[in-house]
Amino acid sequence: MTNDPTSDRIWSRAEIESPCVKLCVVHPETRLCAGCHRSIDEITAWSRMAPEDRRAVMDQLADRAGLAKGRRGGRTARLKR
């Protein structure tokens, strides 16, 4: 065994497949992440899910992408109130 810190054995990691795109903002109405379209519960449980369960969620994400289209109004909507 070698103590070489650059050894592939030390630096290799078995990453969990994830749809995360590092745009983590939860839409207030759909309660889905604007980046990956997963629910908070799915994001929380992701690392404990079986690979088949993660794949099932990932297969649904494209259908969820259109659920939160459009802006909520921003400054213009606030001024109208």
PDB file of N, CA and C in Angstrom:
ATOM      1  N   MET A   1       0.847  -1.189   0.000  1.00  0.00           N
ATOM      2  CA  MET A   1       0.000   0.000   0.000  1.00  0.00           C
ATOM      3  C   MET A   1       0.890   1.249   0.000  1.00  0.00           C
ATOM      4  N   THR A   2       0.493   2.212  -0.751  1.00  0.00           N
ATOM      5  CA  THR A   2       1.271   3.444  -0.867  1.00  0.00           C
ATOM      6  C   THR A   2       0.558   4.584  -0.155  1.00  0.00           C
ATOM      7  N   ASN A   3       1.300   5.554   0.310  1.00  0.00           N
ATOM      8  CA  ASN A   3       0.732   6.729   0.969  1.00  0.00           C
ATOM      9  C   ASN A   3       0.680   7.916   0.022  1.00  0.00           C
ATOM     10  N   ASP A   4       0.732   7.666  -1.264  1.00  0.00           N
ATOM     11  CA  ASP A   4       0.700   8.723  -2.273  1.00  0.00           C
ATOM     12  C   ASP A   4      -0.666   9.403  -2.265  1.00  0.00           C
ATOM     13  N   PRO A   5      -0.768  10.697  -1.896  1.00  0.00           N
ATOM     14  CA  PRO A   5      -2.063  11.377  -1.823  1.00  0.00           C
ATOM     15  C   PRO A   5      -2.719  11.586  -3.177  1.00  0.00           C
ATOM     16  N   THR A   6      -1.978  11.390  -4.254  1.00  0.00           N
ATOM     17  CA  THR A   6      -2.573  11.552  -5.579  1.00  0.00           C
ATOM     18  C   THR A   6      -3.023  10.222  -6.175  1.00  0.00           C
ATOM     19  N   SER A   7      -2.961   9.194  -5.367  1.00  0.00           N
ATOM     20  CA  SER A   7      -3.371   7.870  -5.838  1.00  0.00           C
ATOM     21  C   SER A   7      -4.843   7.880  -6.247  1.00  0.00           C
ATOM     22  N   ASP A   8      -5.158   7.223  -7.364  1.00  0.00           N
ATOM     23  CA  ASP A   8      -6.553   7.150  -7.825  1.00  0.00           C
ATOM     24  C   ASP A   8      -7.448   6.491  -6.788  1.00  0.00           C
ATOM     25  N   ARG A   9      -6.921   5.552  -6.053  1.00  0.00           N
ATOM     26  CA  ARG A   9      -7.716   4.859  -5.046  1.00  0.00           C
ATOM     27  C   ARG A   9      -8.202   5.838  -3.983  1.00  0.00           C
ATOM     28  N   ILE A  10      -7.389   6.782  -3.620  1.00  0.00           N
ATOM     29  CA  ILE A  10      -7.748   7.753  -2.581  1.00  0.00           C
ATOM     30  C   ILE A  10      -8.711   8.806  -3.130  1.00  0.00           C
ATOM     31  N   TRP A  11      -8.476   9.285  -4.340  1.00  0.00           N
ATOM     32  CA  TRP A  11      -9.229  10.409  -4.877  1.00  0.00           C
ATOM     33  C   TRP A  11     -10.486  10.009  -5.623  1.00  0.00           C
ATOM     34  N   SER A  12     -10.642   8.745  -5.946  1.00  0.00           N
ATOM     35  CA  SER A  12     -11.844   8.358  -6.680  1.00  0.00           C
ATOM     36  C   SER A  12     -13.033   8.340  -5.727  1.00  0.00           C
ATOM     37  N   ARG A  13     -14.182   8.771  -6.242  1.00  0.00           N
ATOM     38  CA  ARG A  13     -15.402   8.812  -5.448  1.00  0.00           C
ATOM     39  C   ARG A  13     -16.537   8.239  -6.272  1.00  0.00           C
ATOM     40  N   ALA A  14     -17.392   7.511  -5.616  1.00  0.00           N
ATOM     41  CA  ALA A  14     -18.584   6.990  -6.279  1.00  0.00           C
ATOM     42  C   ALA A  14     -19.691   8.019  -6.090  1.00  0.00           C
ATOM     43  N   GLU A  15     -19.844   8.908  -7.061  1.00  0.00           N
ATOM     44  CA  GLU A  15     -20.841   9.967  -6.964  1.00  0.00           C
ATOM     45  C   GLU A  15     -22.243   9.409  -7.212  1.00  0.00           C
ATOM     46  N   ILE A  16     -23.200   9.952  -6.497  1.00  0.00           N
ATOM     47  CA  ILE A  16     -24.593   9.605  -6.712  1.00  0.00           C
ATOM     48  C   ILE A  16     -25.095  10.443  -7.875  1.00  0.00           C
ATOM     49  N   GLU A  17     -25.728   9.791  -8.830  1.00  0.00           N
ATOM     50  CA  GLU A  17     -26.284  10.515  -9.967  1.00  0.00           C
ATOM     51  C   GLU A  17     -27.308  11.524  -9.452  1.00  0.00           C
ATOM     52  N   SER A  18     -27.205  12.748  -9.924  1.00  0.00           N
ATOM     53  CA  SER A  18     -28.083  13.808  -9.445  1.00  0.00           C
ATOM     54  C   SER A  18     -28.417  14.774 -10.577  1.00  0.00           C
ATOM     55  N   PRO A  19     -29.659  15.287 -10.600  1.00  0.00           N
ATOM     56  CA  PRO A  19     -30.031  16.281 -11.602  1.00  0.00           C
ATOM     57  C   PRO A  19     -29.690  17.708 -11.174  1.00  0.00           C
ATOM     58  N   CYS A  20     -29.049  17.878 -10.034  1.00  0.00           N
ATOM     59  CA  CYS A  20     -28.741  19.206  -9.508  1.00  0.00           C
ATOM     60  C   CYS A  20     -27.905  20.004 -10.497  1.00  0.00           C
ATOM     61  N   VAL A  21     -28.320  21.260 -10.729  1.00  0.00           N
ATOM     62  CA  VAL A  21     -27.573  22.158 -11.614  1.00  0.00           C
ATOM     63  C   VAL A  21     -27.060  23.372 -10.829  1.00  0.00           C
ATOM     64  N   LYS A  22     -27.101  23.264  -9.494  1.00  0.00           N
ATOM     65  CA  LYS A  22     -26.611  24.299  -8.581  1.00  0.00           C
ATOM     66  C   LYS A  22     -27.327  25.630  -8.753  1.00  0.00           C
ATOM     67  N   LEU A  23     -28.617  25.555  -9.041  1.00  0.00           N
ATOM     68  CA  LEU A  23     -29.499  26.720  -9.080  1.00  0.00           C
ATOM     69  C   LEU A  23     -30.631  26.385  -8.116  1.00  0.00           C
ATOM     70  N   CYS A  24     -30.325  26.476  -6.835  1.00  0.00           N
ATOM     71  CA  CYS A  24     -31.218  25.972  -5.791  1.00  0.00           C
ATOM     72  C   CYS A  24     -32.131  27.076  -5.266  1.00  0.00           C
ATOM     73  N   VAL A  25     -33.293  27.201  -5.891  1.00  0.00           N
ATOM     74  CA  VAL A  25     -34.301  28.171  -5.490  1.00  0.00           C
ATOM     75  C   VAL A  25     -35.641  27.443  -5.543  1.00  0.00           C
ATOM     76  N   VAL A  26     -36.354  27.444  -4.435  1.00  0.00           N
ATOM     77  CA  VAL A  26     -37.638  26.743  -4.385  1.00  0.00           C
ATOM     78  C   VAL A  26     -38.752  27.708  -4.768  1.00  0.00           C
ATOM     79  N   HIS A  27     -39.538  27.321  -5.759  1.00  0.00           N
ATOM     80  CA  HIS A  27     -40.668  28.132  -6.201  1.00  0.00           C
ATOM     81  C   HIS A  27     -41.731  28.095  -5.101  1.00  0.00           C
ATOM     82  N   PRO A  28     -42.253  29.245  -4.690  1.00  0.00           N
ATOM     83  CA  PRO A  28     -43.179  29.290  -3.557  1.00  0.00           C
ATOM     84  C   PRO A  28     -44.523  28.611  -3.804  1.00  0.00           C
ATOM     85  N   GLU A  29     -44.943  28.491  -5.043  1.00  0.00           N
ATOM     86  CA  GLU A  29     -46.242  27.880  -5.329  1.00  0.00           C
ATOM     87  C   GLU A  29     -46.122  26.394  -5.629  1.00  0.00           C
ATOM     88  N   THR A  30     -45.189  26.017  -6.478  1.00  0.00           N
ATOM     89  CA  THR A  30     -45.060  24.598  -6.844  1.00  0.00           C
ATOM     90  C   THR A  30     -44.254  23.819  -5.819  1.00  0.00           C
ATOM     91  N   ARG A  31     -43.444  24.528  -5.016  1.00  0.00           N
ATOM     92  CA  ARG A  31     -42.559  23.921  -4.014  1.00  0.00           C
ATOM     93  C   ARG A  31     -41.526  22.997  -4.652  1.00  0.00           C
ATOM     94  N   LEU A  32     -41.182  23.318  -5.899  1.00  0.00           N
ATOM     95  CA  LEU A  32     -40.151  22.572  -6.617  1.00  0.00           C
ATOM     96  C   LEU A  32     -38.931  23.463  -6.800  1.00  0.00           C
ATOM     97  N   CYS A  33     -37.759  22.849  -6.843  1.00  0.00           N
ATOM     98  CA  CYS A  33     -36.533  23.589  -7.095  1.00  0.00           C
ATOM     99  C   CYS A  33     -36.557  24.102  -8.535  1.00  0.00           C
ATOM    100  N   ALA A  34     -36.238  25.374  -8.713  1.00  0.00           N
ATOM    101  CA  ALA A  34     -36.236  25.981 -10.046  1.00  0.00           C
ATOM    102  C   ALA A  34     -35.133  25.407 -10.924  1.00  0.00           C
ATOM    103  N   GLY A  35     -34.084  24.881 -10.330  1.00  0.00           N
ATOM    104  CA  GLY A  35     -32.974  24.339 -11.104  1.00  0.00           C
ATOM    105  C   GLY A  35     -33.188  22.904 -11.539  1.00  0.00           C
ATOM    106  N   CYS A  36     -33.472  22.018 -10.593  1.00  0.00           N
ATOM    107  CA  CYS A  36     -33.557  20.588 -10.914  1.00  0.00           C
ATOM    108  C   CYS A  36     -34.985  20.054 -10.950  1.00  0.00           C
ATOM    109  N   HIS A  37     -35.938  20.824 -10.472  1.00  0.00           N
ATOM    110  CA  HIS A  37     -37.365  20.480 -10.474  1.00  0.00           C
ATOM    111  C   HIS A  37     -37.737  19.362  -9.506  1.00  0.00           C
ATOM    112  N   ARG A  38     -36.861  19.099  -8.538  1.00  0.00           N
ATOM    113  CA  ARG A  38     -37.215  18.121  -7.500  1.00  0.00           C
ATOM    114  C   ARG A  38     -37.922  18.835  -6.356  1.00  0.00           C
ATOM    115  N   SER A  39     -38.721  18.073  -5.609  1.00  0.00           N
ATOM    116  CA  SER A  39     -39.365  18.626  -4.418  1.00  0.00           C
ATOM    117  C   SER A  39     -38.349  18.651  -3.280  1.00  0.00           C
ATOM    118  N   ILE A  40     -38.666  19.407  -2.238  1.00  0.00           N
ATOM    119  CA  ILE A  40     -37.798  19.466  -1.067  1.00  0.00           C
ATOM    120  C   ILE A  40     -37.625  18.074  -0.475  1.00  0.00           C
ATOM    121  N   ASP A  41     -38.707  17.307  -0.392  1.00  0.00           N
ATOM    122  CA  ASP A  41     -38.626  15.948   0.158  1.00  0.00           C
ATOM    123  C   ASP A  41     -37.705  15.072  -0.680  1.00  0.00           C
ATOM    124  N   GLU A  42     -37.781  15.196  -1.999  1.00  0.00           N
ATOM    125  CA  GLU A  42     -36.915  14.406  -2.871  1.00  0.00           C
ATOM    126  C   GLU A  42     -35.453  14.803  -2.702  1.00  0.00           C
ATOM    127  N   ILE A  43     -35.202  16.104  -2.603  1.00  0.00           N
ATOM    128  CA  ILE A  43     -33.829  16.581  -2.419  1.00  0.00           C
ATOM    129  C   ILE A  43     -33.269  16.078  -1.095  1.00  0.00           C
ATOM    130  N   THR A  44     -34.077  16.151  -0.049  1.00  0.00           N
ATOM    131  CA  THR A  44     -33.645  15.717   1.278  1.00  0.00           C
ATOM    132  C   THR A  44     -33.322  14.226   1.311  1.00  0.00           C
ATOM    133  N   ALA A  45     -34.136  13.422   0.661  1.00  0.00           N
ATOM    134  CA  ALA A  45     -33.975  11.961   0.705  1.00  0.00           C
ATOM    135  C   ALA A  45     -33.022  11.422  -0.358  1.00  0.00           C
ATOM    136  N   TRP A  46     -32.560  12.272  -1.258  1.00  0.00           N
ATOM    137  CA  TRP A  46     -31.827  11.829  -2.446  1.00  0.00           C
ATOM    138  C   TRP A  46     -30.678  10.869  -2.143  1.00  0.00           C
ATOM    139  N   SER A  47     -29.831  11.182  -1.198  1.00  0.00           N
ATOM    140  CA  SER A  47     -28.661  10.341  -0.935  1.00  0.00           C
ATOM    141  C   SER A  47     -29.028   9.009  -0.298  1.00  0.00           C
ATOM    142  N   ARG A  48     -30.222   8.894   0.251  1.00  0.00           N
ATOM    143  CA  ARG A  48     -30.667   7.644   0.864  1.00  0.00           C
ATOM    144  C   ARG A  48     -31.545   6.813  -0.063  1.00  0.00           C
ATOM    145  N   MET A  49     -31.912   7.386  -1.224  1.00  0.00           N
ATOM    146  CA  MET A  49     -32.788   6.679  -2.157  1.00  0.00           C
ATOM    147  C   MET A  49     -32.028   5.585  -2.896  1.00  0.00           C
ATOM    148  N   ALA A  50     -32.745   4.544  -3.243  1.00  0.00           N
ATOM    149  CA  ALA A  50     -32.178   3.493  -4.088  1.00  0.00           C
ATOM    150  C   ALA A  50     -31.982   4.063  -5.493  1.00  0.00           C
ATOM    151  N   PRO A  51     -30.991   3.573  -6.228  1.00  0.00           N
ATOM    152  CA  PRO A  51     -30.760   4.069  -7.584  1.00  0.00           C
ATOM    153  C   PRO A  51     -32.008   4.007  -8.469  1.00  0.00           C
ATOM    154  N   GLU A  52     -32.824   2.983  -8.301  1.00  0.00           N
ATOM    155  CA  GLU A  52     -34.046   2.855  -9.103  1.00  0.00           C
ATOM    156  C   GLU A  52     -35.034   3.970  -8.768  1.00  0.00           C
ATOM    157  N   ASP A  53     -35.121   4.326  -7.492  1.00  0.00           N
ATOM    158  CA  ASP A  53     -36.028   5.399  -7.070  1.00  0.00           C
ATOM    159  C   ASP A  53     -35.547   6.754  -7.592  1.00  0.00           C
ATOM    160  N   ARG A  54     -34.231   6.978  -7.541  1.00  0.00           N
ATOM    161  CA  ARG A  54     -33.688   8.228  -8.091  1.00  0.00           C
ATOM    162  C   ARG A  54     -33.960   8.301  -9.592  1.00  0.00           C
ATOM    163  N   ARG A  55     -33.789   7.207 -10.298  1.00  0.00           N
ATOM    164  CA  ARG A  55     -34.036   7.174 -11.747  1.00  0.00           C
ATOM    165  C   ARG A  55     -35.508   7.472 -12.031  1.00  0.00           C
ATOM    166  N   ALA A  56     -36.423   6.931 -11.221  1.00  0.00           N
ATOM    167  CA  ALA A  56     -37.860   7.187 -11.411  1.00  0.00           C
ATOM    168  C   ALA A  56     -38.170   8.669 -11.248  1.00  0.00           C
ATOM    169  N   VAL A  57     -37.565   9.313 -10.253  1.00  0.00           N
ATOM    170  CA  VAL A  57     -37.768  10.753 -10.061  1.00  0.00           C
ATOM    171  C   VAL A  57     -37.194  11.507 -11.254  1.00  0.00           C
ATOM    172  N   MET A  58     -35.985  11.144 -11.673  1.00  0.00           N
ATOM    173  CA  MET A  58     -35.342  11.846 -12.785  1.00  0.00           C
ATOM    174  C   MET A  58     -36.150  11.719 -14.075  1.00  0.00           C
ATOM    175  N   ASP A  59     -36.835  10.606 -14.238  1.00  0.00           N
ATOM    176  CA  ASP A  59     -37.669  10.421 -15.427  1.00  0.00           C
ATOM    177  C   ASP A  59     -38.872  11.370 -15.435  1.00  0.00           C
ATOM    178  N   GLN A  60     -39.289  11.868 -14.273  1.00  0.00           N
ATOM    179  CA  GLN A  60     -40.436  12.777 -14.162  1.00  0.00           C
ATOM    180  C   GLN A  60     -40.063  14.257 -14.295  1.00  0.00           C
ATOM    181  N   LEU A  61     -38.782  14.572 -14.183  1.00  0.00           N
ATOM    182  CA  LEU A  61     -38.361  15.970 -14.083  1.00  0.00           C
ATOM    183  C   LEU A  61     -38.677  16.804 -15.314  1.00  0.00           C
ATOM    184  N   ALA A  62     -38.560  16.238 -16.491  1.00  0.00           N
ATOM    185  CA  ALA A  62     -38.844  17.003 -17.713  1.00  0.00           C
ATOM    186  C   ALA A  62     -40.303  17.470 -17.734  1.00  0.00           C
ATOM    187  N   ASP A  63     -41.212  16.643 -17.236  1.00  0.00           N
ATOM    188  CA  ASP A  63     -42.629  17.026 -17.183  1.00  0.00           C
ATOM    189  C   ASP A  63     -42.887  18.141 -16.174  1.00  0.00           C
ATOM    190  N   ARG A  64     -42.069  18.224 -15.151  1.00  0.00           N
ATOM    191  CA  ARG A  64     -42.241  19.246 -14.115  1.00  0.00           C
ATOM    192  C   ARG A  64     -41.685  20.603 -14.536  1.00  0.00           C
ATOM    193  N   ALA A  65     -40.819  20.620 -15.508  1.00  0.00           N
ATOM    194  CA  ALA A  65     -40.105  21.847 -15.882  1.00  0.00           C
ATOM    195  C   ALA A  65     -41.046  22.992 -16.235  1.00  0.00           C
ATOM    196  N   GLY A  66     -42.188  22.724 -16.817  1.00  0.00           N
ATOM    197  CA  GLY A  66     -43.107  23.779 -17.233  1.00  0.00           C
ATOM    198  C   GLY A  66     -44.098  24.217 -16.180  1.00  0.00           C
ATOM    199  N   LEU A  67     -44.048  23.635 -15.004  1.00  0.00           N
ATOM    200  CA  LEU A  67     -45.046  23.944 -13.977  1.00  0.00           C
ATOM    201  C   LEU A  67     -44.922  25.349 -13.397  1.00  0.00           C
ATOM    202  N   ALA A  68     -43.749  25.916 -13.404  1.00  0.00           N
ATOM    203  CA  ALA A  68     -43.540  27.218 -12.748  1.00  0.00           C
ATOM    204  C   ALA A  68     -43.129  28.286 -13.745  1.00  0.00           C
ATOM    205  N   LYS A  69     -43.722  28.286 -14.902  1.00  0.00           N
ATOM    206  CA  LYS A  69     -43.358  29.290 -15.898  1.00  0.00           C
ATOM    207  C   LYS A  69     -43.955  30.639 -15.540  1.00  0.00           C
ATOM    208  N   GLY A  70     -43.278  31.657 -15.972  1.00  0.00           N
ATOM    209  CA  GLY A  70     -43.773  33.013 -15.753  1.00  0.00           C
ATOM    210  C   GLY A  70     -43.325  33.575 -14.425  1.00  0.00           C
ATOM    211  N   ARG A  71     -43.203  34.860 -14.395  1.00  0.00           N
ATOM    212  CA  ARG A  71     -42.806  35.558 -13.176  1.00  0.00           C
ATOM    213  C   ARG A  71     -44.033  35.828 -12.324  1.00  0.00           C
ATOM    214  N   ARG A  72     -43.796  36.031 -11.060  1.00  0.00           N
ATOM    215  CA  ARG A  72     -44.892  36.312 -10.144  1.00  0.00           C
ATOM    216  C   ARG A  72     -45.258  37.773 -10.108  1.00  0.00           C
ATOM    217  N   GLY A  73     -44.534  38.611 -10.806  1.00  0.00           N
ATOM    218  CA  GLY A  73     -44.907  40.017 -10.854  1.00  0.00           C
ATOM    219  C   GLY A  73     -43.803  40.970 -10.474  1.00  0.00           C
ATOM    220  N   GLY A  74     -42.989  40.603  -9.527  1.00  0.00           N
ATOM    221  CA  GLY A  74     -41.888  41.465  -9.128  1.00  0.00           C
ATOM    222  C   GLY A  74     -42.341  42.831  -8.651  1.00  0.00           C
ATOM    223  N   ARG A  75     -41.567  43.832  -8.959  1.00  0.00           N
ATOM    224  CA  ARG A  75     -41.831  45.196  -8.508  1.00  0.00           C
ATOM    225  C   ARG A  75     -43.146  45.738  -9.069  1.00  0.00           C
ATOM    226  N   THR A  76     -43.421  45.468 -10.332  1.00  0.00           N
ATOM    227  CA  THR A  76     -44.650  45.970 -10.957  1.00  0.00           C
ATOM    228  C   THR A  76     -45.891  45.470 -10.217  1.00  0.00           C
ATOM    229  N   ALA A  77     -45.914  44.200  -9.836  1.00  0.00           N
ATOM    230  CA  ALA A  77     -47.058  43.648  -9.132  1.00  0.00           C
ATOM    231  C   ALA A  77     -47.192  44.275  -7.741  1.00  0.00           C
ATOM    232  N   ARG A  78     -46.086  44.512  -7.079  1.00  0.00           N
ATOM    233  CA  ARG A  78     -46.136  45.121  -5.751  1.00  0.00           C
ATOM    234  C   ARG A  78     -46.677  46.543  -5.827  1.00  0.00           C
ATOM    235  N   LEU A  79     -46.292  47.272  -6.840  1.00  0.00           N
ATOM    236  CA  LEU A  79     -46.756  48.658  -6.977  1.00  0.00           C
ATOM    237  C   LEU A  79     -48.252  48.749  -7.271  1.00  0.00           C
ATOM    238  N   LYS A  80     -48.801  47.734  -7.919  1.00  0.00           N
ATOM    239  CA  LYS A  80     -50.231  47.717  -8.231  1.00  0.00           C
ATOM    240  C   LYS A  80     -51.084  47.453  -6.998  1.00  0.00           C
ATOM    241  N   ARG A  81     -50.508  46.890  -5.963  1.00  0.00           N
ATOM    242  CA  ARG A  81     -51.290  46.557  -4.758  1.00  0.00           C
ATOM    243  C   ARG A  81     -51.627  47.738  -3.968  1.00  0.00           C
TER     244      ARG A  81
END
